[in-house]
Every structure is written in C-alpha cells, then in structure tokens.
Full PDB file with SEQRES, HELIX, SHEET, SSBOND, CRYST1, ORIGX, SCALE, CONECT and MASTER records, all heavy atoms in Angstrom:
SEQRES   1 A   39  GLY TYR ILE PHE GLU ASN PRO GLU GLU VAL LYS SER PHE          
SEQRES   2 A   39  ALA GLU ASP PHE THR GLY PRO THR THR ALA PHE LEU TYR          
SEQRES   3 A   39  LYS MET ALA LYS LYS THR GLY ALA THR ILE GLN GLY GLY          
HELIX    1 AA1 PRO A    7  PHE A   13  1                                   7    
HELIX    2 AA2 PRO A   20  THR A   32  1                                  13    
CRYST1    1.000    1.000    1.000  90.00  90.00  90.00 P 1           1          
ORIGX1      1.000000  0.000000  0.000000        0.00000                         
ORIGX2      0.000000  1.000000  0.000000        0.00000                         
ORIGX3      0.000000  0.000000  1.000000        0.00000                         
SCALE1      1.000000  0.000000  0.000000        0.00000                         
SCALE2      0.000000  1.000000  0.000000        0.00000                         
SCALE3      0.000000  0.000000  1.000000        0.00000                         
ATOM      1  N   GLY A   1       0.831  -1.180   0.000  1.00  0.00           N  
ATOM      2  CA  GLY A   1       0.000   0.000   0.000  1.00  0.00           C  
ATOM      3  C   GLY A   1       0.872   1.239   0.000  1.00  0.00           C  
ATOM      4  O   GLY A   1       2.097   1.164   0.144  1.00  0.00           O  
ATOM      5  N   TYR A   2       0.229   2.391  -0.154  1.00  0.00           N  
ATOM      6  CA  TYR A   2       0.985   3.623  -0.417  1.00  0.00           C  
ATOM      7  C   TYR A   2       1.238   4.476   0.819  1.00  0.00           C  
ATOM      8  O   TYR A   2       2.328   5.032   0.983  1.00  0.00           O  
ATOM      9  CB  TYR A   2       0.235   4.455  -1.462  1.00  0.00           C  
ATOM     10  CG  TYR A   2       0.929   5.746  -1.808  1.00  0.00           C  
ATOM     11  CD1 TYR A   2       2.060   5.751  -2.613  1.00  0.00           C  
ATOM     12  CD2 TYR A   2       0.456   6.965  -1.324  1.00  0.00           C  
ATOM     13  CE1 TYR A   2       2.716   6.935  -2.934  1.00  0.00           C  
ATOM     14  CE2 TYR A   2       1.098   8.157  -1.637  1.00  0.00           C  
ATOM     15  CZ  TYR A   2       2.225   8.138  -2.442  1.00  0.00           C  
ATOM     16  OH  TYR A   2       2.873   9.310  -2.758  1.00  0.00           O  
ATOM     17  N   ILE A   3       0.246   4.626   1.703  1.00  0.00           N  
ATOM     18  CA  ILE A   3       0.365   5.603   2.796  1.00  0.00           C  
ATOM     19  C   ILE A   3       1.000   4.964   4.023  1.00  0.00           C  
ATOM     20  O   ILE A   3       0.620   3.858   4.437  1.00  0.00           O  
ATOM     21  CB  ILE A   3      -1.013   6.191   3.160  1.00  0.00           C  
ATOM     22  CG1 ILE A   3      -1.659   6.867   1.950  1.00  0.00           C  
ATOM     23  CG2 ILE A   3      -0.870   7.209   4.297  1.00  0.00           C  
ATOM     24  CD1 ILE A   3      -3.062   7.407   2.214  1.00  0.00           C  
ATOM     25  N   PHE A   4       1.930   5.696   4.634  1.00  0.00           N  
ATOM     26  CA  PHE A   4       2.581   5.263   5.872  1.00  0.00           C  
ATOM     27  C   PHE A   4       2.341   6.315   6.953  1.00  0.00           C  
ATOM     28  O   PHE A   4       2.269   7.518   6.676  1.00  0.00           O  
ATOM     29  CB  PHE A   4       4.080   5.082   5.645  1.00  0.00           C  
ATOM     30  CG  PHE A   4       4.400   4.073   4.567  1.00  0.00           C  
ATOM     31  CD1 PHE A   4       4.575   4.482   3.259  1.00  0.00           C  
ATOM     32  CD2 PHE A   4       4.502   2.725   4.863  1.00  0.00           C  
ATOM     33  CE1 PHE A   4       4.861   3.563   2.252  1.00  0.00           C  
ATOM     34  CE2 PHE A   4       4.784   1.799   3.873  1.00  0.00           C  
ATOM     35  CZ  PHE A   4       4.958   2.218   2.557  1.00  0.00           C  
ATOM     36  N   GLU A   5       2.245   5.862   8.186  1.00  0.00           N  
ATOM     37  CA  GLU A   5       2.015   6.793   9.299  1.00  0.00           C  
ATOM     38  C   GLU A   5       3.186   7.740   9.495  1.00  0.00           C  
ATOM     39  O   GLU A   5       3.016   8.929   9.777  1.00  0.00           O  
ATOM     40  CB  GLU A   5       1.766   6.009  10.601  1.00  0.00           C  
ATOM     41  CG  GLU A   5       0.421   5.311  10.672  1.00  0.00           C  
ATOM     42  CD  GLU A   5      -0.720   6.268  10.933  1.00  0.00           C  
ATOM     43  OE1 GLU A   5      -0.475   7.454  11.215  1.00  0.00           O  
ATOM     44  OE2 GLU A   5      -1.877   5.814  10.841  1.00  0.00           O  
ATOM     45  N   ASN A   6       4.390   7.212   9.369  1.00  0.00           N  
ATOM     46  CA  ASN A   6       5.597   7.979   9.676  1.00  0.00           C  
ATOM     47  C   ASN A   6       6.816   7.224   9.137  1.00  0.00           C  
ATOM     48  O   ASN A   6       6.693   6.070   8.684  1.00  0.00           O  
ATOM     49  CB  ASN A   6       5.716   8.193  11.191  1.00  0.00           C  
ATOM     50  CG  ASN A   6       5.514   6.908  11.966  1.00  0.00           C  
ATOM     51  OD1 ASN A   6       6.131   5.882  11.671  1.00  0.00           O  
ATOM     52  ND2 ASN A   6       4.630   6.940  12.959  1.00  0.00           N  
ATOM     53  N   PRO A   7       7.997   7.826   9.190  1.00  0.00           N  
ATOM     54  CA  PRO A   7       9.205   7.140   8.695  1.00  0.00           C  
ATOM     55  C   PRO A   7       9.490   5.827   9.416  1.00  0.00           C  
ATOM     56  O   PRO A   7      10.049   4.904   8.815  1.00  0.00           O  
ATOM     57  CB  PRO A   7      10.311   8.166   8.940  1.00  0.00           C  
ATOM     58  CG  PRO A   7       9.619   9.494   8.908  1.00  0.00           C  
ATOM     59  CD  PRO A   7       8.271   9.240   9.525  1.00  0.00           C  
ATOM     60  N   GLU A   8       9.088   5.729  10.669  1.00  0.00           N  
ATOM     61  CA  GLU A   8       9.321   4.484  11.406  1.00  0.00           C  
ATOM     62  C   GLU A   8       8.515   3.330  10.810  1.00  0.00           C  
ATOM     63  O   GLU A   8       9.011   2.198  10.697  1.00  0.00           O  
ATOM     64  CB  GLU A   8       8.964   4.668  12.891  1.00  0.00           C  
ATOM     65  CG  GLU A   8       9.944   5.533  13.668  1.00  0.00           C  
ATOM     66  CD  GLU A   8       9.942   6.993  13.242  1.00  0.00           C  
ATOM     67  OE1 GLU A   8       8.848   7.513  12.905  1.00  0.00           O  
ATOM     68  OE2 GLU A   8      11.035   7.599  13.223  1.00  0.00           O  
ATOM     69  N   GLU A   9       7.274   3.611  10.428  1.00  0.00           N  
ATOM     70  CA  GLU A   9       6.485   2.556   9.798  1.00  0.00           C  
ATOM     71  C   GLU A   9       7.085   2.174   8.449  1.00  0.00           C  
ATOM     72  O   GLU A   9       7.111   0.998   8.081  1.00  0.00           O  
ATOM     73  CB  GLU A   9       5.023   2.978   9.619  1.00  0.00           C  
ATOM     74  CG  GLU A   9       4.185   1.820   9.071  1.00  0.00           C  
ATOM     75  CD  GLU A   9       2.746   2.192   8.782  1.00  0.00           C  
ATOM     76  OE1 GLU A   9       2.438   3.392   8.648  1.00  0.00           O  
ATOM     77  OE2 GLU A   9       1.927   1.255   8.674  1.00  0.00           O  
ATOM     78  N   VAL A  10       7.555   3.154   7.692  1.00  0.00           N  
ATOM     79  CA  VAL A  10       8.203   2.851   6.410  1.00  0.00           C  
ATOM     80  C   VAL A  10       9.351   1.871   6.627  1.00  0.00           C  
ATOM     81  O   VAL A  10       9.487   0.864   5.925  1.00  0.00           O  
ATOM     82  CB  VAL A  10       8.710   4.138   5.741  1.00  0.00           C  
ATOM     83  CG1 VAL A  10       9.414   3.799   4.428  1.00  0.00           C  
ATOM     84  CG2 VAL A  10       7.568   5.110   5.482  1.00  0.00           C  
ATOM     85  N   LYS A  11      10.185   2.155   7.630  1.00  0.00           N  
ATOM     86  CA  LYS A  11      11.347   1.294   7.907  1.00  0.00           C  
ATOM     87  C   LYS A  11      10.922  -0.121   8.283  1.00  0.00           C  
ATOM     88  O   LYS A  11      11.630  -1.081   7.994  1.00  0.00           O  
ATOM     89  CB  LYS A  11      12.187   1.907   9.029  1.00  0.00           C  
ATOM     90  CG  LYS A  11      12.922   3.168   8.617  1.00  0.00           C  
ATOM     91  CD  LYS A  11      13.697   3.772   9.778  1.00  0.00           C  
ATOM     92  CE  LYS A  11      14.376   5.076   9.388  1.00  0.00           C  
ATOM     93  NZ  LYS A  11      15.083   5.696  10.536  1.00  0.00           N  
ATOM     94  N   SER A  12       9.754  -0.249   8.894  1.00  0.00           N  
ATOM     95  CA  SER A  12       9.300  -1.587   9.296  1.00  0.00           C  
ATOM     96  C   SER A  12       8.968  -2.457   8.090  1.00  0.00           C  
ATOM     97  O   SER A  12       8.943  -3.690   8.199  1.00  0.00           O  
ATOM     98  CB  SER A  12       8.078  -1.480  10.217  1.00  0.00           C  
ATOM     99  OG  SER A  12       6.908  -1.118   9.494  1.00  0.00           O  
ATOM    100  N   PHE A  13       8.715  -1.840   6.938  1.00  0.00           N  
ATOM    101  CA  PHE A  13       8.441  -2.594   5.711  1.00  0.00           C  
ATOM    102  C   PHE A  13       9.665  -2.714   4.808  1.00  0.00           C  
ATOM    103  O   PHE A  13       9.601  -3.385   3.772  1.00  0.00           O  
ATOM    104  CB  PHE A  13       7.303  -1.929   4.922  1.00  0.00           C  
ATOM    105  CG  PHE A  13       5.956  -2.126   5.537  1.00  0.00           C  
ATOM    106  CD1 PHE A  13       5.339  -1.092   6.223  1.00  0.00           C  
ATOM    107  CD2 PHE A  13       5.301  -3.346   5.439  1.00  0.00           C  
ATOM    108  CE1 PHE A  13       4.085  -1.261   6.802  1.00  0.00           C  
ATOM    109  CE2 PHE A  13       4.050  -3.531   6.012  1.00  0.00           C  
ATOM    110  CZ  PHE A  13       3.439  -2.488   6.698  1.00  0.00           C  
ATOM    111  N   ALA A  14      10.757  -2.070   5.180  1.00  0.00           N  
ATOM    112  CA  ALA A  14      11.928  -2.042   4.305  1.00  0.00           C  
ATOM    113  C   ALA A  14      12.582  -3.419   4.223  1.00  0.00           C  
ATOM    114  O   ALA A  14      12.675  -4.143   5.217  1.00  0.00           O  
ATOM    115  CB  ALA A  14      12.928  -0.999   4.804  1.00  0.00           C  
ATOM    116  N   GLU A  15      13.043  -3.768   3.029  1.00  0.00           N  
ATOM    117  CA  GLU A  15      13.669  -5.066   2.802  1.00  0.00           C  
ATOM    118  C   GLU A  15      14.732  -4.931   1.720  1.00  0.00           C  
ATOM    119  O   GLU A  15      14.729  -3.973   0.939  1.00  0.00           O  
ATOM    120  CB  GLU A  15      12.625  -6.101   2.393  1.00  0.00           C  
ATOM    121  CG  GLU A  15      11.800  -5.680   1.178  1.00  0.00           C  
ATOM    122  CD  GLU A  15      10.707  -6.684   0.835  1.00  0.00           C  
ATOM    123  OE1 GLU A  15      11.046  -7.704   0.200  1.00  0.00           O  
ATOM    124  OE2 GLU A  15       9.536  -6.428   1.186  1.00  0.00           O  
ATOM    125  N   ASP A  16      15.630  -5.888   1.667  1.00  0.00           N  
ATOM    126  CA  ASP A  16      16.599  -5.910   0.577  1.00  0.00           C  
ATOM    127  C   ASP A  16      16.155  -6.937  -0.454  1.00  0.00           C  
ATOM    128  O   ASP A  16      15.007  -7.397  -0.437  1.00  0.00           O  
ATOM    129  CB  ASP A  16      18.015  -6.178   1.102  1.00  0.00           C  
ATOM    130  CG  ASP A  16      18.143  -7.535   1.791  1.00  0.00           C  
ATOM    131  OD1 ASP A  16      17.267  -8.415   1.595  1.00  0.00           O  
ATOM    132  OD2 ASP A  16      19.128  -7.726   2.530  1.00  0.00           O  
ATOM    133  N   PHE A  17      17.062  -7.325  -1.342  1.00  0.00           N  
ATOM    134  CA  PHE A  17      16.670  -8.207  -2.442  1.00  0.00           C  
ATOM    135  C   PHE A  17      16.629  -9.678  -2.054  1.00  0.00           C  
ATOM    136  O   PHE A  17      16.373 -10.534  -2.900  1.00  0.00           O  
ATOM    137  CB  PHE A  17      17.598  -7.965  -3.636  1.00  0.00           C  
ATOM    138  CG  PHE A  17      17.509  -6.559  -4.147  1.00  0.00           C  
ATOM    139  CD1 PHE A  17      18.471  -5.625  -3.821  1.00  0.00           C  
ATOM    140  CD2 PHE A  17      16.432  -6.160  -4.924  1.00  0.00           C  
ATOM    141  CE1 PHE A  17      18.374  -4.325  -4.270  1.00  0.00           C  
ATOM    142  CE2 PHE A  17      16.324  -4.853  -5.381  1.00  0.00           C  
ATOM    143  CZ  PHE A  17      17.301  -3.933  -5.055  1.00  0.00           C  
ATOM    144  N   THR A  18      16.850  -9.951  -0.778  1.00  0.00           N  
ATOM    145  CA  THR A  18      16.614 -11.300  -0.259  1.00  0.00           C  
ATOM    146  C   THR A  18      15.285 -11.356   0.493  1.00  0.00           C  
ATOM    147  O   THR A  18      14.951 -12.376   1.078  1.00  0.00           O  
ATOM    148  CB  THR A  18      17.746 -11.740   0.685  1.00  0.00           C  
ATOM    149  OG1 THR A  18      17.743 -10.891   1.856  1.00  0.00           O  
ATOM    150  CG2 THR A  18      19.098 -11.639   0.005  1.00  0.00           C  
ATOM    151  N   GLY A  19      14.533 -10.242   0.457  1.00  0.00           N  
ATOM    152  CA  GLY A  19      13.306 -10.136   1.241  1.00  0.00           C  
ATOM    153  C   GLY A  19      12.097 -10.755   0.561  1.00  0.00           C  
ATOM    154  O   GLY A  19      12.177 -11.325  -0.534  1.00  0.00           O  
ATOM    155  N   PRO A  20      10.931 -10.617   1.183  1.00  0.00           N  
ATOM    156  CA  PRO A  20       9.726 -11.317   0.718  1.00  0.00           C  
ATOM    157  C   PRO A  20       9.211 -10.855  -0.645  1.00  0.00           C  
ATOM    158  O   PRO A  20       8.659 -11.658  -1.392  1.00  0.00           O  
ATOM    159  CB  PRO A  20       8.698 -11.026   1.818  1.00  0.00           C  
ATOM    160  CG  PRO A  20       9.211  -9.832   2.540  1.00  0.00           C  
ATOM    161  CD  PRO A  20      10.694  -9.908   2.458  1.00  0.00           C  
ATOM    162  N   THR A  21       9.391  -9.576  -0.990  1.00  0.00           N  
ATOM    163  CA  THR A  21       8.842  -9.113  -2.266  1.00  0.00           C  
ATOM    164  C   THR A  21       9.610  -9.692  -3.449  1.00  0.00           C  
ATOM    165  O   THR A  21       9.008 -10.212  -4.407  1.00  0.00           O  
ATOM    166  CB  THR A  21       8.842  -7.576  -2.331  1.00  0.00           C  
ATOM    167  OG1 THR A  21       8.042  -7.066  -1.251  1.00  0.00           O  
ATOM    168  CG2 THR A  21       8.252  -7.088  -3.651  1.00  0.00           C  
ATOM    169  N   THR A  22      10.933  -9.629  -3.399  1.00  0.00           N  
ATOM    170  CA  THR A  22      11.720 -10.214  -4.486  1.00  0.00           C  
ATOM    171  C   THR A  22      11.486 -11.717  -4.557  1.00  0.00           C  
ATOM    172  O   THR A  22      11.377 -12.291  -5.648  1.00  0.00           O  
ATOM    173  CB  THR A  22      13.210  -9.898  -4.304  1.00  0.00           C  
ATOM    174  OG1 THR A  22      13.393  -8.468  -4.338  1.00  0.00           O  
ATOM    175  CG2 THR A  22      14.046 -10.517  -5.409  1.00  0.00           C  
ATOM    176  N   ALA A  23      11.371 -12.367  -3.404  1.00  0.00           N  
ATOM    177  CA  ALA A  23      11.104 -13.811  -3.387  1.00  0.00           C  
ATOM    178  C   ALA A  23       9.755 -14.120  -4.025  1.00  0.00           C  
ATOM    179  O   ALA A  23       9.618 -15.082  -4.798  1.00  0.00           O  
ATOM    180  CB  ALA A  23      11.153 -14.337  -1.952  1.00  0.00           C  
ATOM    181  N   PHE A  24       8.747 -13.308  -3.728  1.00  0.00           N  
ATOM    182  CA  PHE A  24       7.426 -13.522  -4.332  1.00  0.00           C  
ATOM    183  C   PHE A  24       7.466 -13.311  -5.837  1.00  0.00           C  
ATOM    184  O   PHE A  24       6.903 -14.102  -6.614  1.00  0.00           O  
ATOM    185  CB  PHE A  24       6.402 -12.569  -3.702  1.00  0.00           C  
ATOM    186  CG  PHE A  24       5.093 -12.551  -4.414  1.00  0.00           C  
ATOM    187  CD1 PHE A  24       4.216 -13.616  -4.332  1.00  0.00           C  
ATOM    188  CD2 PHE A  24       4.734 -11.461  -5.215  1.00  0.00           C  
ATOM    189  CE1 PHE A  24       3.004 -13.609  -5.013  1.00  0.00           C  
ATOM    190  CE2 PHE A  24       3.525 -11.453  -5.898  1.00  0.00           C  
ATOM    191  CZ  PHE A  24       2.664 -12.530  -5.799  1.00  0.00           C  
ATOM    192  N   LEU A  25       8.136 -12.259  -6.284  1.00  0.00           N  
ATOM    193  CA  LEU A  25       8.203 -12.000  -7.718  1.00  0.00           C  
ATOM    194  C   LEU A  25       8.972 -13.104  -8.443  1.00  0.00           C  
ATOM    195  O   LEU A  25       8.638 -13.460  -9.584  1.00  0.00           O  
ATOM    196  CB  LEU A  25       8.834 -10.637  -7.982  1.00  0.00           C  
ATOM    197  CG  LEU A  25       8.003  -9.435  -7.510  1.00  0.00           C  
ATOM    198  CD1 LEU A  25       8.737  -8.135  -7.793  1.00  0.00           C  
ATOM    199  CD2 LEU A  25       6.635  -9.419  -8.170  1.00  0.00           C  
ATOM    200  N   TYR A  26       9.966 -13.665  -7.786  1.00  0.00           N  
ATOM    201  CA  TYR A  26      10.699 -14.799  -8.380  1.00  0.00           C  
ATOM    202  C   TYR A  26       9.766 -15.999  -8.544  1.00  0.00           C  
ATOM    203  O   TYR A  26       9.752 -16.674  -9.580  1.00  0.00           O  
ATOM    204  CB  TYR A  26      11.890 -15.146  -7.498  1.00  0.00           C  
ATOM    205  CG  TYR A  26      12.705 -16.331  -7.971  1.00  0.00           C  
ATOM    206  CD1 TYR A  26      13.136 -16.432  -9.289  1.00  0.00           C  
ATOM    207  CD2 TYR A  26      13.049 -17.346  -7.087  1.00  0.00           C  
ATOM    208  CE1 TYR A  26      13.887 -17.511  -9.718  1.00  0.00           C  
ATOM    209  CE2 TYR A  26      13.807 -18.427  -7.501  1.00  0.00           C  
ATOM    210  CZ  TYR A  26      14.213 -18.506  -8.826  1.00  0.00           C  
ATOM    211  OH  TYR A  26      14.950 -19.581  -9.243  1.00  0.00           O  
ATOM    212  N   LYS A  27       8.943 -16.239  -7.531  1.00  0.00           N  
ATOM    213  CA  LYS A  27       7.952 -17.312  -7.602  1.00  0.00           C  
ATOM    214  C   LYS A  27       6.994 -17.082  -8.769  1.00  0.00           C  
ATOM    215  O   LYS A  27       6.694 -17.999  -9.544  1.00  0.00           O  
ATOM    216  CB  LYS A  27       7.177 -17.367  -6.282  1.00  0.00           C  
ATOM    217  CG  LYS A  27       6.011 -18.346  -6.248  1.00  0.00           C  
ATOM    218  CD  LYS A  27       5.276 -18.224  -4.908  1.00  0.00           C  
ATOM    219  CE  LYS A  27       4.007 -19.049  -4.885  1.00  0.00           C  
ATOM    220  NZ  LYS A  27       3.261 -18.883  -3.611  1.00  0.00           N  
ATOM    221  N   MET A  28       6.529 -15.841  -8.930  1.00  0.00           N  
ATOM    222  CA  MET A  28       5.605 -15.523 -10.017  1.00  0.00           C  
ATOM    223  C   MET A  28       6.302 -15.584 -11.377  1.00  0.00           C  
ATOM    224  O   MET A  28       5.686 -15.963 -12.382  1.00  0.00           O  
ATOM    225  CB  MET A  28       5.003 -14.135  -9.805  1.00  0.00           C  
ATOM    226  CG  MET A  28       4.023 -14.037  -8.646  1.00  0.00           C  
ATOM    227  SD  MET A  28       2.558 -15.093  -8.874  1.00  0.00           S  
ATOM    228  CE  MET A  28       3.054 -16.544  -7.957  1.00  0.00           C  
ATOM    229  N   ALA A  29       7.555 -15.198 -11.418  1.00  0.00           N  
ATOM    230  CA  ALA A  29       8.300 -15.270 -12.675  1.00  0.00           C  
ATOM    231  C   ALA A  29       8.403 -16.710 -13.154  1.00  0.00           C  
ATOM    232  O   ALA A  29       8.229 -17.002 -14.348  1.00  0.00           O  
ATOM    233  CB  ALA A  29       9.685 -14.653 -12.501  1.00  0.00           C  
ATOM    234  N   LYS A  30       8.658 -17.622 -12.234  1.00  0.00           N  
ATOM    235  CA  LYS A  30       8.762 -19.034 -12.620  1.00  0.00           C  
ATOM    236  C   LYS A  30       7.404 -19.579 -13.058  1.00  0.00           C  
ATOM    237  O   LYS A  30       7.326 -20.398 -13.982  1.00  0.00           O  
ATOM    238  CB  LYS A  30       9.326 -19.846 -11.452  1.00  0.00           C  
ATOM    239  CG  LYS A  30      10.800 -19.580 -11.192  1.00  0.00           C  
ATOM    240  CD  LYS A  30      11.412 -20.573 -10.235  1.00  0.00           C  
ATOM    241  CE  LYS A  30      10.866 -20.394  -8.826  1.00  0.00           C  
ATOM    242  NZ  LYS A  30      11.523 -21.321  -7.868  1.00  0.00           N  
ATOM    243  N   LYS A  31       6.324 -19.111 -12.426  1.00  0.00           N  
ATOM    244  CA  LYS A  31       4.993 -19.602 -12.785  1.00  0.00           C  
ATOM    245  C   LYS A  31       4.527 -19.084 -14.139  1.00  0.00           C  
ATOM    246  O   LYS A  31       3.859 -19.796 -14.894  1.00  0.00           O  
ATOM    247  CB  LYS A  31       3.973 -19.199 -11.715  1.00  0.00           C  
ATOM    248  CG  LYS A  31       3.988 -20.065 -10.477  1.00  0.00           C  
ATOM    249  CD  LYS A  31       2.759 -19.796  -9.624  1.00  0.00           C  
ATOM    250  CE  LYS A  31       2.636 -20.813  -8.495  1.00  0.00           C  
ATOM    251  NZ  LYS A  31       1.383 -20.632  -7.727  1.00  0.00           N  
ATOM    252  N   THR A  32       4.841 -17.834 -14.434  1.00  0.00           N  
ATOM    253  CA  THR A  32       4.335 -17.202 -15.655  1.00  0.00           C  
ATOM    254  C   THR A  32       5.320 -17.288 -16.814  1.00  0.00           C  
ATOM    255  O   THR A  32       4.935 -17.062 -17.968  1.00  0.00           O  
ATOM    256  CB  THR A  32       4.036 -15.712 -15.405  1.00  0.00           C  
ATOM    257  OG1 THR A  32       5.257 -15.054 -15.012  1.00  0.00           O  
ATOM    258  CG2 THR A  32       2.983 -15.531 -14.314  1.00  0.00           C  
ATOM    259  N   GLY A  33       6.583 -17.571 -16.500  1.00  0.00           N  
ATOM    260  CA  GLY A  33       7.626 -17.534 -17.523  1.00  0.00           C  
ATOM    261  C   GLY A  33       8.077 -16.129 -17.856  1.00  0.00           C  
ATOM    262  O   GLY A  33       8.880 -15.920 -18.772  1.00  0.00           O  
ATOM    263  N   ALA A  34       7.582 -15.144 -17.122  1.00  0.00           N  
ATOM    264  CA  ALA A  34       7.843 -13.737 -17.432  1.00  0.00           C  
ATOM    265  C   ALA A  34       8.914 -13.149 -16.525  1.00  0.00           C  
ATOM    266  O   ALA A  34       9.083 -13.563 -15.379  1.00  0.00           O  
ATOM    267  CB  ALA A  34       6.558 -12.923 -17.272  1.00  0.00           C  
ATOM    268  N   THR A  35       9.600 -12.162 -17.036  1.00  0.00           N  
ATOM    269  CA  THR A  35      10.338 -11.243 -16.179  1.00  0.00           C  
ATOM    270  C   THR A  35       9.317 -10.271 -15.601  1.00  0.00           C  
ATOM    271  O   THR A  35       8.442  -9.782 -16.320  1.00  0.00           O  
ATOM    272  CB  THR A  35      11.411 -10.494 -16.982  1.00  0.00           C  
ATOM    273  OG1 THR A  35      12.372 -11.446 -17.455  1.00  0.00           O  
ATOM    274  CG2 THR A  35      12.110  -9.456 -16.129  1.00  0.00           C  
ATOM    275  N   ILE A  36       9.408  -9.997 -14.298  1.00  0.00           N  
ATOM    276  CA  ILE A  36       8.374  -9.208 -13.619  1.00  0.00           C  
ATOM    277  C   ILE A  36       9.016  -8.046 -12.859  1.00  0.00           C  
ATOM    278  O   ILE A  36      10.016  -8.218 -12.158  1.00  0.00           O  
ATOM    279  CB  ILE A  36       7.557 -10.084 -12.646  1.00  0.00           C  
ATOM    280  CG1 ILE A  36       6.902 -11.254 -13.394  1.00  0.00           C  
ATOM    281  CG2 ILE A  36       6.489  -9.242 -11.955  1.00  0.00           C  
ATOM    282  CD1 ILE A  36       6.043 -12.139 -12.519  1.00  0.00           C  
ATOM    283  N   GLN A  37       8.410  -6.884 -12.991  1.00  0.00           N  
ATOM    284  CA  GLN A  37       8.813  -5.694 -12.242  1.00  0.00           C  
ATOM    285  C   GLN A  37       7.730  -5.341 -11.237  1.00  0.00           C  
ATOM    286  O   GLN A  37       6.547  -5.312 -11.571  1.00  0.00           O  
ATOM    287  CB  GLN A  37       9.027  -4.524 -13.197  1.00  0.00           C  
ATOM    288  CG  GLN A  37       9.247  -3.177 -12.508  1.00  0.00           C  
ATOM    289  CD  GLN A  37       9.505  -2.065 -13.499  1.00  0.00           C  
ATOM    290  OE1 GLN A  37      10.346  -2.193 -14.395  1.00  0.00           O  
ATOM    291  NE2 GLN A  37       8.802  -0.958 -13.370  1.00  0.00           N  
ATOM    292  N   GLY A  38       8.131  -5.067  -9.995  1.00  0.00           N  
ATOM    293  CA  GLY A  38       7.164  -4.668  -8.980  1.00  0.00           C  
ATOM    294  C   GLY A  38       7.789  -3.751  -7.950  1.00  0.00           C  
ATOM    295  O   GLY A  38       8.985  -3.838  -7.664  1.00  0.00           O  
ATOM    296  N   GLY A  39       6.969  -2.872  -7.365  1.00  0.00           N  
ATOM    297  CA  GLY A  39       7.469  -1.890  -6.414  1.00  0.00           C  
ATOM    298  C   GLY A  39       7.560  -2.425  -4.999  1.00  0.00           C  
ATOM    299  O   GLY A  39       6.762  -3.273  -4.587  1.00  0.00           O  
TER     300      GLY A  39                                                      
MASTER        0    0    0    2    0    0    0    6  299    1    0    3          
END                                                                             
C-alpha cells in the first residue's frame, strides 16, 4: 500500500533483495515464464 504513518512505519516494511517481495516475484516469474517488475 501507499500511505505510511511515519518514517518508522516505512522502515518496518523495508527489505533488501533477499526479502519477501523479491522472493514472491521470483515465484511468479517461474509460474508465468515472465520477467516481472514490482514496487
């Protein structure tokens, strides 16, 4: 989602490229055969 309460909440969602979002997109890439871009 887009809105955060404050910078502290933003940091609580911060991740690197070993985090859950990249892992999820990798899972979807293998399922669809596509290269996938996501925020």
